[in-house]
Amino acid sequence: MGRVRKSAVQIRFEILEFLYYASRPQLRTHIWRKATTLAYDDFLKHLSYLERAGLLEDVGDGRYRLTRRGRKIYDDLRRSLPSIL
């Protein structure tokens, strides 16, 4: 039986979650390795989407952190998920 593919929403949520609990900005490659099982090119597409959406920001040297908006979105999703699953 093959692996079930994750939706874009699930992948992006997992990236947000990883950064939410990180104590400091994380290297792009560290996020990729720890938060996803994607090919690097696919991961970069999701990272770029989240950055364009204003949910995370590049703080330099390839390190990313959540923005205030990203934290709020994560909190809102985290609260909402149990009621819709």
Foldseek 3Di string as FASTA:
>chain_A
DDDDDDDLVVLLLLLLVVQLPDPDWDALVVSPVPRDPDDSVVSVVSVVVCVVVQQKDDPDPRTIHGDPVVNVVSVVCVVCVVVVD
